[in-house]
Amino acid sequence: MRLKILVYGICLFIIMIIQSTVLNSLAIFGVKPNLVLVFVISVALIRGGTEGAYMGFFAGLTQDLVTGRVIGFYALIGLYIGLMVGVFNKRLYRENFLVIIFFTFAATIVYELCVFFFGIYLNSGNGFLYAFGMTILPETLYNVIISVFMYVFVMKLSDMFNEQDKKIRKY
């Protein structure tokens, strides 16, 4: 359990560094993928709703500390996204990449719509069609492309954690 928390924490730290530095220079038309969200979706699909909710909350809290104006805004959205995606953990064939593509597409749109609509209350003045066409949809497509690679990475981590659990239980 401690190893899992440590590894997820290190992964989250590295992802946040990559997202806030490297991806700024690789943005196309000002839009960059949200690696933190893709990581939360992958963890939620592979490990379940509880771990997805925890990962979403702490990933969102980290995002709040790095980029947010209001502490807890991204944390709550991440918590709910991780919980909603993780609910489908046991019901789907997780080795199918179409599952991760679909959930990344749907969760990114929900996430960005939440950010957009709550951003209106925080004085963001873009129109909905402009934001959807120029930000939400391109970011969703970036996230879908990256999600396949992130999913494979998280699946390997999950297999490592499962082997560690088997050694501890001594089956």
Protein backbone atom coordinates (compact mmCIF):
# COMPACT_ATOMS: atom_id res chain seq x y z
CA MET A 1 0.00 0.00 0.00
CA ARG A 2 2.80 2.41 0.89
CA LEU A 3 4.62 1.52 -2.31
CA LYS A 4 1.50 2.25 -4.34
CA ILE A 5 1.04 5.67 -2.74
CA LEU A 6 4.71 6.50 -3.23
CA VAL A 7 4.74 5.42 -6.89
CA TYR A 8 1.49 7.24 -7.69
CA GLY A 9 2.81 10.35 -5.93
CA ILE A 10 6.04 10.29 -7.92
CA CYS A 11 4.13 9.72 -11.16
CA LEU A 12 1.79 12.60 -10.36
CA PHE A 13 4.74 14.86 -9.55
CA ILE A 14 6.49 14.01 -12.84
CA ILE A 15 3.27 14.43 -14.82
CA MET A 16 2.64 17.84 -13.25
CA ILE A 17 6.18 18.96 -14.09
CA ILE A 18 5.80 17.78 -17.69
CA GLN A 19 2.38 19.39 -18.03
CA SER A 20 3.41 22.74 -16.60
CA THR A 21 6.76 23.05 -18.42
CA VAL A 22 7.32 20.87 -21.48
CA LEU A 23 3.76 20.85 -22.79
CA ASN A 24 3.62 24.65 -22.73
CA SER A 25 6.19 24.72 -25.50
CA LEU A 26 4.45 21.90 -27.41
CA ALA A 27 1.00 23.51 -27.37
CA ILE A 28 -0.67 23.73 -30.76
CA PHE A 29 -2.77 26.89 -31.16
CA GLY A 30 -2.54 27.38 -27.41
CA VAL A 31 -4.09 23.99 -26.61
CA LYS A 32 -2.20 21.25 -24.80
CA PRO A 33 -3.26 17.85 -23.48
CA ASN A 34 -4.23 17.40 -19.84
CA LEU A 35 -1.92 14.60 -18.68
CA VAL A 36 -3.22 14.76 -15.13
CA LEU A 37 -6.77 14.05 -16.27
CA VAL A 38 -5.64 11.19 -18.52
CA PHE A 39 -3.69 9.69 -15.59
CA VAL A 40 -6.75 9.91 -13.32
CA ILE A 41 -8.97 8.27 -15.95
CA SER A 42 -6.46 5.46 -16.48
CA VAL A 43 -6.09 4.78 -12.76
CA ALA A 44 -9.85 4.84 -12.27
CA LEU A 45 -10.51 2.38 -15.09
CA ILE A 46 -7.82 -0.03 -13.98
CA ARG A 47 -7.94 0.19 -10.18
CA GLY A 48 -11.59 1.10 -9.52
CA GLY A 49 -13.75 3.91 -8.24
CA THR A 50 -12.18 4.30 -4.80
CA GLU A 51 -8.62 4.62 -6.05
CA GLY A 52 -9.85 6.71 -8.98
CA ALA A 53 -11.57 9.11 -6.59
CA TYR A 54 -8.50 9.38 -4.36
CA MET A 55 -6.23 9.88 -7.36
CA GLY A 56 -8.62 12.43 -8.86
CA PHE A 57 -8.81 14.37 -5.62
CA PHE A 58 -5.07 14.50 -5.02
CA ALA A 59 -4.28 15.13 -8.68
CA GLY A 60 -6.81 17.96 -8.70
CA LEU A 61 -5.46 19.35 -5.46
CA THR A 62 -1.97 19.33 -6.96
CA GLN A 63 -3.33 21.06 -10.03
CA ASP A 64 -5.03 23.63 -7.79
CA LEU A 65 -1.77 24.36 -6.01
CA VAL A 66 0.16 24.74 -9.26
CA THR A 67 -2.28 26.49 -11.59
CA GLY A 68 -5.60 27.20 -9.91
CA ARG A 69 -6.96 30.38 -8.47
CA VAL A 70 -9.31 28.61 -6.06
CA ILE A 71 -8.07 25.73 -3.88
CA GLY A 72 -10.36 22.71 -4.19
CA PHE A 73 -11.91 23.51 -7.57
CA TYR A 74 -9.92 21.00 -9.63
CA ALA A 75 -9.80 18.64 -6.65
CA LEU A 76 -13.59 18.25 -6.59
CA ILE A 77 -13.85 17.87 -10.35
CA GLY A 78 -11.04 15.28 -10.32
CA LEU A 79 -12.69 13.40 -7.46
CA TYR A 80 -16.00 13.14 -9.31
CA ILE A 81 -14.38 12.23 -12.64
CA GLY A 82 -12.29 9.51 -10.97
CA LEU A 83 -15.35 8.17 -9.16
CA MET A 84 -17.61 8.21 -12.23
CA VAL A 85 -15.07 6.50 -14.49
CA GLY A 86 -14.07 4.01 -11.80
CA VAL A 87 -17.65 2.81 -11.36
CA PHE A 88 -17.34 1.05 -14.72
CA ASN A 89 -14.16 -0.77 -13.69
CA LYS A 90 -15.60 -4.24 -13.15
CA ARG A 91 -18.19 -4.14 -15.93
CA LEU A 92 -15.90 -3.58 -18.90
CA TYR A 93 -13.19 -5.49 -20.69
CA ARG A 94 -10.33 -3.22 -19.73
CA GLU A 95 -7.79 -4.58 -22.20
CA ASN A 96 -9.79 -3.10 -25.09
CA PHE A 97 -8.30 0.25 -26.07
CA LEU A 98 -11.65 1.52 -27.31
CA VAL A 99 -12.80 1.57 -23.67
CA ILE A 100 -10.04 3.97 -22.64
CA ILE A 101 -10.58 6.06 -25.77
CA PHE A 102 -14.30 6.37 -25.09
CA PHE A 103 -13.92 7.19 -21.40
CA THR A 104 -11.12 9.67 -22.06
CA PHE A 105 -13.26 11.39 -24.69
CA ALA A 106 -16.36 11.55 -22.49
CA ALA A 107 -14.55 12.46 -19.26
CA THR A 108 -12.49 15.19 -20.92
CA ILE A 109 -15.60 16.81 -22.33
CA VAL A 110 -17.34 16.64 -18.93
CA TYR A 111 -14.23 17.96 -17.19
CA GLU A 112 -13.74 20.85 -19.59
CA LEU A 113 -17.43 21.76 -19.57
CA CYS A 114 -17.31 21.92 -15.77
CA VAL A 115 -14.22 24.11 -15.93
CA PHE A 116 -15.89 26.32 -18.55
CA PHE A 117 -19.22 26.74 -16.78
CA PHE A 118 -17.68 27.30 -13.35
CA GLY A 119 -15.13 29.57 -15.00
CA ILE A 120 -17.98 31.84 -16.05
CA TYR A 121 -18.57 32.48 -12.37
CA LEU A 122 -14.87 33.22 -11.96
CA ASN A 123 -15.02 35.92 -14.68
CA SER A 124 -13.88 34.02 -17.77
CA GLY A 125 -15.50 35.76 -20.71
CA ASN A 126 -15.24 33.36 -23.69
CA GLY A 127 -18.32 32.26 -25.60
CA PHE A 128 -19.39 28.63 -25.42
CA LEU A 129 -19.03 27.80 -29.12
CA TYR A 130 -15.63 29.43 -29.29
CA ALA A 131 -14.42 27.58 -26.18
CA PHE A 132 -15.84 24.27 -27.38
CA GLY A 133 -14.39 24.52 -30.88
CA MET A 134 -11.05 26.06 -30.06
CA THR A 135 -10.22 24.53 -26.68
CA ILE A 136 -12.43 21.69 -25.48
CA LEU A 137 -12.56 19.61 -28.66
CA PRO A 138 -8.84 19.89 -29.55
CA GLU A 139 -7.84 19.08 -25.97
CA THR A 140 -10.18 16.10 -26.02
CA LEU A 141 -8.53 14.78 -29.16
CA TYR A 142 -5.04 15.28 -27.67
CA ASN A 143 -6.12 13.46 -24.51
CA VAL A 144 -7.56 10.55 -26.53
CA ILE A 145 -4.26 10.10 -28.37
CA ILE A 146 -2.18 10.24 -25.20
CA SER A 147 -4.59 8.05 -23.23
CA VAL A 148 -3.55 4.87 -25.04
CA PHE A 149 0.09 5.29 -23.96
CA MET A 150 -0.81 6.42 -20.44
CA TYR A 151 -3.21 3.48 -20.09
CA VAL A 152 -0.48 0.98 -20.98
CA PHE A 153 1.82 2.62 -18.44
CA VAL A 154 -0.78 2.54 -15.65
CA MET A 155 -1.69 -1.05 -16.52
CA LYS A 156 1.95 -2.08 -16.06
CA LEU A 157 2.02 -0.27 -12.72
CA SER A 158 -1.17 -2.06 -11.70
CA ASP A 159 0.31 -5.43 -12.62
CA MET A 160 3.36 -4.60 -10.52
CA PHE A 161 1.11 -3.71 -7.57
CA ASN A 162 -0.89 -6.92 -7.99
CA GLU A 163 2.31 -9.00 -7.95
CA GLN A 164 3.46 -7.15 -4.85
CA ASP A 165 0.12 -7.89 -3.15
CA LYS A 166 0.40 -11.59 -4.02
CA LYS A 167 3.87 -11.74 -2.48
CA ILE A 168 2.62 -10.09 0.68
CA ARG A 169 -0.36 -12.43 0.99
CA LYS A 170 1.81 -15.47 0.13
CA TYR A 171 -0.77 -17.36 -1.89
